[in-house]
Protein backbone atom coordinates (compact mmCIF):
# COMPACT_ATOMS: atom_id res chain seq x y z
CA MET A 1 -0.01 0.01 -0.01
CA ALA A 2 1.28 3.45 -0.90
CA LYS A 3 2.05 5.99 1.85
CA LEU A 4 2.50 9.69 2.27
CA CYS A 5 5.35 10.28 4.74
CA LEU A 6 5.88 13.51 6.72
CA LEU A 7 9.60 14.26 7.02
CA SER A 8 11.23 15.94 9.99
CA ALA A 9 13.71 18.79 9.58
CA ASP A 10 16.60 16.29 9.33
CA GLY A 11 14.82 14.29 6.59
CA VAL A 12 13.70 11.30 8.71
CA VAL A 13 10.11 10.04 8.47
CA ASP A 14 8.14 11.54 11.34
CA LYS A 15 4.64 10.25 10.50
CA GLN A 16 3.04 8.32 7.66
CA TRP A 17 -0.44 7.77 6.28
CA GLU A 18 -1.66 5.01 3.95
CA ILE A 19 -3.24 6.13 0.71
CA GLY A 20 -6.36 4.10 0.09
CA ASP A 21 -9.37 4.62 -2.14
CA LYS A 22 -10.27 7.91 -0.42
CA PRO A 23 -8.13 11.00 -1.30
CA LEU A 24 -5.91 12.40 1.46
CA ILE A 25 -6.24 16.16 1.79
CA VAL A 26 -3.33 18.03 3.44
CA GLY A 27 -3.44 21.52 4.92
CA ARG A 28 -3.60 23.55 8.12
CA GLY A 29 -7.42 23.86 8.29
CA GLU A 30 -9.95 21.85 10.23
CA SER A 31 -11.57 20.10 7.23
CA VAL A 32 -8.49 18.12 6.08
CA ASP A 33 -7.36 14.53 6.57
CA ILE A 34 -3.79 15.52 7.50
CA LYS A 35 -3.56 18.71 9.54
CA ILE A 36 -0.09 20.27 9.64
CA GLU A 37 0.80 23.36 11.76
CA ASP A 38 2.69 25.37 9.12
CA ASP A 39 1.75 28.99 8.33
CA GLY A 40 3.08 28.42 4.77
CA LEU A 41 0.29 25.93 4.11
CA SER A 42 -3.15 26.84 2.89
CA ARG A 43 -6.13 25.53 4.84
CA ARG A 44 -6.64 22.95 2.03
CA HIS A 45 -3.25 22.86 0.33
CA PHE A 46 -2.98 19.65 -1.73
CA MET A 47 -4.35 16.17 -2.05
CA VAL A 48 -2.98 12.78 -2.98
CA PHE A 49 -5.35 10.31 -4.57
CA ARG A 50 -5.48 7.05 -6.45
CA GLU A 51 -6.81 6.79 -9.96
CA GLY A 52 -6.72 3.21 -11.23
CA ALA A 53 -3.15 1.92 -10.70
CA ASP A 54 -1.72 5.49 -10.50
CA TYR A 55 -1.29 7.89 -7.58
CA LEU A 56 -1.64 11.58 -8.25
CA LEU A 57 -0.77 14.82 -6.51
CA LYS A 58 -3.09 17.81 -6.98
CA ASP A 59 -2.55 21.32 -5.70
CA LEU A 60 -5.80 22.79 -4.34
CA SER A 61 -5.17 26.35 -5.53
CA SER A 62 -2.77 26.88 -2.59
CA ARG A 63 -1.26 30.27 -1.95
CA ASN A 64 2.40 29.15 -2.03
CA GLY A 65 2.10 26.23 -4.42
CA THR A 66 2.96 22.58 -4.12
CA TRP A 67 6.41 21.47 -5.31
CA LEU A 68 7.32 18.00 -6.53
CA ASP A 69 11.05 17.29 -6.65
CA GLY A 70 11.78 20.99 -7.04
CA GLN A 71 9.18 21.71 -9.75
CA ARG A 72 5.84 23.43 -9.16
CA ALA A 73 3.02 20.91 -9.56
CA ASN A 74 -0.68 21.54 -10.29
CA GLN A 75 -1.59 17.92 -10.93
CA THR A 76 0.86 15.15 -11.69
CA ASN A 77 1.50 11.44 -11.31
CA LEU A 78 3.54 10.37 -8.33
CA ARG A 79 6.41 7.89 -8.40
CA HIS A 80 8.03 5.96 -5.59
CA GLU A 81 10.23 8.27 -3.43
CA ASP A 82 8.98 11.51 -4.98
CA ARG A 83 9.51 14.51 -2.65
CA ILE A 84 6.74 16.99 -2.00
CA LEU A 85 7.27 20.44 -0.50
CA ALA A 86 4.26 22.46 0.70
CA GLY A 87 4.93 25.57 2.76
CA ARG A 88 7.96 24.64 4.87
CA THR A 89 6.74 21.03 5.28
CA GLN A 90 8.34 18.15 3.42
CA PHE A 91 6.72 14.88 2.48
CA ARG A 92 7.81 11.77 0.63
CA PHE A 93 5.56 9.52 -1.43
CA CYS A 94 6.33 5.80 -1.02
CA GLU A 95 4.66 3.26 -3.25
CA ARG A 96 6.56 0.38 -1.66
CA ASP A 97 7.62 -0.09 1.95
CA ILE A 98 11.30 -0.25 1.07
CA ASN A 99 13.32 2.85 2.10
CA CYS A 100 10.25 4.79 3.31
CA ASN A 101 11.87 5.27 6.72
CA SER A 102 15.30 6.35 5.50
CA SER A 103 16.47 9.93 5.68
CA VAL A 104 16.62 12.38 2.81
CA ALA A 105 19.68 14.46 1.91
CA GLN A 106 18.96 18.19 1.94
CA SER A 107 20.68 21.42 0.97
CA ARG A 108 19.48 25.04 0.80
CA GLY A 109 18.93 27.24 -2.22
CA PRO A 110 18.01 30.92 -2.74
CA HIS A 111 15.71 32.47 -0.13
CA ASP A 112 16.49 29.55 2.20
CA THR A 113 14.59 27.16 -0.07
CA VAL A 114 15.10 23.50 0.89
CA ILE A 115 16.50 21.42 -1.99
CA ILE A 116 15.76 17.72 -1.60
CA SER A 117 18.05 15.38 -3.52
CA GLN A 118 16.89 12.12 -5.08
CA SER A 119 18.16 9.11 -3.14
CA GLU A 120 20.71 6.87 -4.80
């Protein structure tokens, strides 16, 4: 079963949620499935959902955008170990259990933007 993993500041998985048939909506508001305390997040920021055999990421018209592996994403397919940045919060999509709990290498870019490298 695929999972959405919340990463801590040092890139280690802090929490994880299974992605089933019901979409997971992430944000800082009360009407979401995954509530994150981050002022950079919109109340309903993005959702991850399953469509057939595929898993998709969809930005919900968020103020700061949703970023997938460093690229702004409106709606796109997810692949195992894709990195999602929303506000200052980092997530990783894991389609398989392998490596979901490992840490993620990080560096910083302009304006203190976190750059998340692909794992080897």
